[in-house]
Amino acid sequence: MIYLVNSPILTTDGSYKLQTISLDDARKMVTAGQYTSAIGHQSTADIMSTLLGVTIAVDRIRISQMVGDQVLVFALKGRPDIGADLTVDQLTDMGYTFKLLTRIE
């Protein structure tokens, strides 16, 4: 399973591997297979949709990462104010990376 999230979080006990991946690799992940969005903010879904070339829905679901599951993390390089709903331009200005979080055991 591939999940999309806007913050790296460990949802269950276990061992994990976290690595930075390129935008191209992130695109390949979502265009090559099925994914489940757990993105909680519309502005994040909008910028991810633009960057990844697929429609990302807002869906504030709780996930439970199982062994082998991968989580594609849209990680901001800054910390927005509490309750801030940033625009796509503000998210871009803040900077971001894509991270791949894999549960390995």
Protein backbone atom coordinates (compact mmCIF):
# COMPACT_ATOMS: atom_id res chain seq x y z
CA MET A 1 0.00 0.00 0.00
CA ILE A 2 1.14 3.55 -0.72
CA TYR A 3 -0.18 6.37 1.45
CA LEU A 4 0.20 10.11 0.84
CA VAL A 5 0.65 12.31 3.92
CA ASN A 6 1.70 15.85 4.70
CA SER A 7 3.78 15.07 7.77
CA PRO A 8 6.09 12.19 8.64
CA ILE A 9 4.50 10.21 11.45
CA LEU A 10 5.03 6.71 12.79
CA THR A 11 1.59 5.17 13.14
CA THR A 12 2.53 1.82 14.67
CA ASP A 13 5.42 0.22 16.51
CA GLY A 14 8.11 -1.16 14.23
CA SER A 15 11.27 -0.36 12.34
CA TYR A 16 11.19 2.21 9.56
CA LYS A 17 13.40 3.59 6.83
CA LEU A 18 13.10 7.27 5.87
CA GLN A 19 14.79 8.67 2.80
CA THR A 20 14.53 11.77 0.64
CA ILE A 21 13.39 11.03 -2.90
CA SER A 22 13.26 13.13 -6.03
CA LEU A 23 10.12 14.67 -7.48
CA ASP A 24 10.51 12.32 -10.46
CA ASP A 25 10.56 9.26 -8.17
CA ALA A 26 7.52 10.58 -6.29
CA ARG A 27 5.67 10.98 -9.60
CA LYS A 28 6.54 7.42 -10.59
CA MET A 29 5.15 6.10 -7.30
CA VAL A 30 1.72 7.66 -7.75
CA THR A 31 1.36 7.14 -11.49
CA ALA A 32 2.51 3.51 -11.40
CA GLY A 33 0.02 2.20 -8.88
CA GLN A 34 -2.75 2.76 -6.44
CA TYR A 35 -2.39 5.10 -3.50
CA THR A 36 -4.51 6.34 -0.64
CA SER A 37 -4.53 10.01 0.25
CA ALA A 38 -4.36 10.98 3.91
CA ILE A 39 -3.71 14.64 3.05
CA GLY A 40 -5.52 16.90 5.48
CA HIS A 41 -5.21 20.34 3.88
CA GLN A 42 -6.57 21.56 0.54
CA SER A 43 -3.53 23.72 -0.26
CA THR A 44 -1.24 20.73 0.24
CA ALA A 45 -3.45 18.56 -1.96
CA ASP A 46 -3.44 21.27 -4.62
CA ILE A 47 0.34 21.64 -4.76
CA MET A 48 0.87 17.87 -4.66
CA SER A 49 -1.62 17.45 -7.50
CA THR A 50 0.29 20.00 -9.57
CA LEU A 51 3.71 18.57 -8.77
CA LEU A 52 2.78 14.89 -9.15
CA GLY A 53 0.47 15.19 -12.15
CA VAL A 54 -2.43 13.33 -10.54
CA THR A 55 -5.48 14.50 -8.60
CA ILE A 56 -4.86 14.27 -4.86
CA ALA A 57 -7.99 14.37 -2.73
CA VAL A 58 -8.21 15.80 0.77
CA ASP A 59 -9.05 12.94 3.11
CA ARG A 60 -8.18 13.27 6.79
CA ILE A 61 -8.06 9.53 7.44
CA ARG A 62 -6.06 7.73 10.10
CA ILE A 63 -3.60 5.22 8.68
CA SER A 64 -1.91 2.24 10.29
CA GLN A 65 1.26 1.42 8.41
CA MET A 66 1.90 -2.32 8.02
CA VAL A 67 5.19 -4.01 7.16
CA GLY A 68 6.00 -3.22 3.53
CA ASP A 69 3.66 -0.23 3.33
CA GLN A 70 5.17 2.93 1.91
CA VAL A 71 4.25 6.49 2.84
CA LEU A 72 5.02 9.33 0.47
CA VAL A 73 5.54 12.38 2.68
CA PHE A 74 5.24 15.95 1.44
CA ALA A 75 7.57 17.53 4.00
CA LEU A 76 7.67 21.29 4.39
CA LYS A 77 11.04 22.88 5.12
CA GLY A 78 9.38 25.37 7.48
CA ARG A 79 6.71 25.31 10.14
CA PRO A 80 3.47 27.19 9.45
CA ASP A 81 1.63 29.04 12.19
CA ILE A 82 -0.95 27.03 14.12
CA GLY A 83 -4.17 26.78 12.13
CA ALA A 84 -2.64 28.42 9.05
CA ASP A 85 -4.18 27.39 5.74
CA LEU A 86 -1.36 28.28 3.36
CA THR A 87 -1.76 29.04 -0.31
CA VAL A 88 0.09 27.08 -2.96
CA ASP A 89 2.43 30.07 -3.40
CA GLN A 90 3.17 30.20 0.33
CA LEU A 91 3.91 26.46 0.41
CA THR A 92 6.22 26.83 -2.58
CA ASP A 93 8.01 29.78 -0.94
CA MET A 94 8.47 27.81 2.29
CA GLY A 95 10.11 24.95 0.39
CA TYR A 96 9.50 21.24 0.56
CA THR A 97 10.95 17.81 -0.10
CA PHE A 98 9.44 14.42 -0.74
CA LYS A 99 10.32 11.66 1.72
CA LEU A 100 9.64 7.96 1.47
CA LEU A 101 8.82 6.25 4.78
CA THR A 102 8.83 2.46 4.58
CA ARG A 103 7.95 0.13 7.45
CA ILE A 104 10.51 -2.66 7.32
CA GLU A 105 9.48 -4.73 10.34
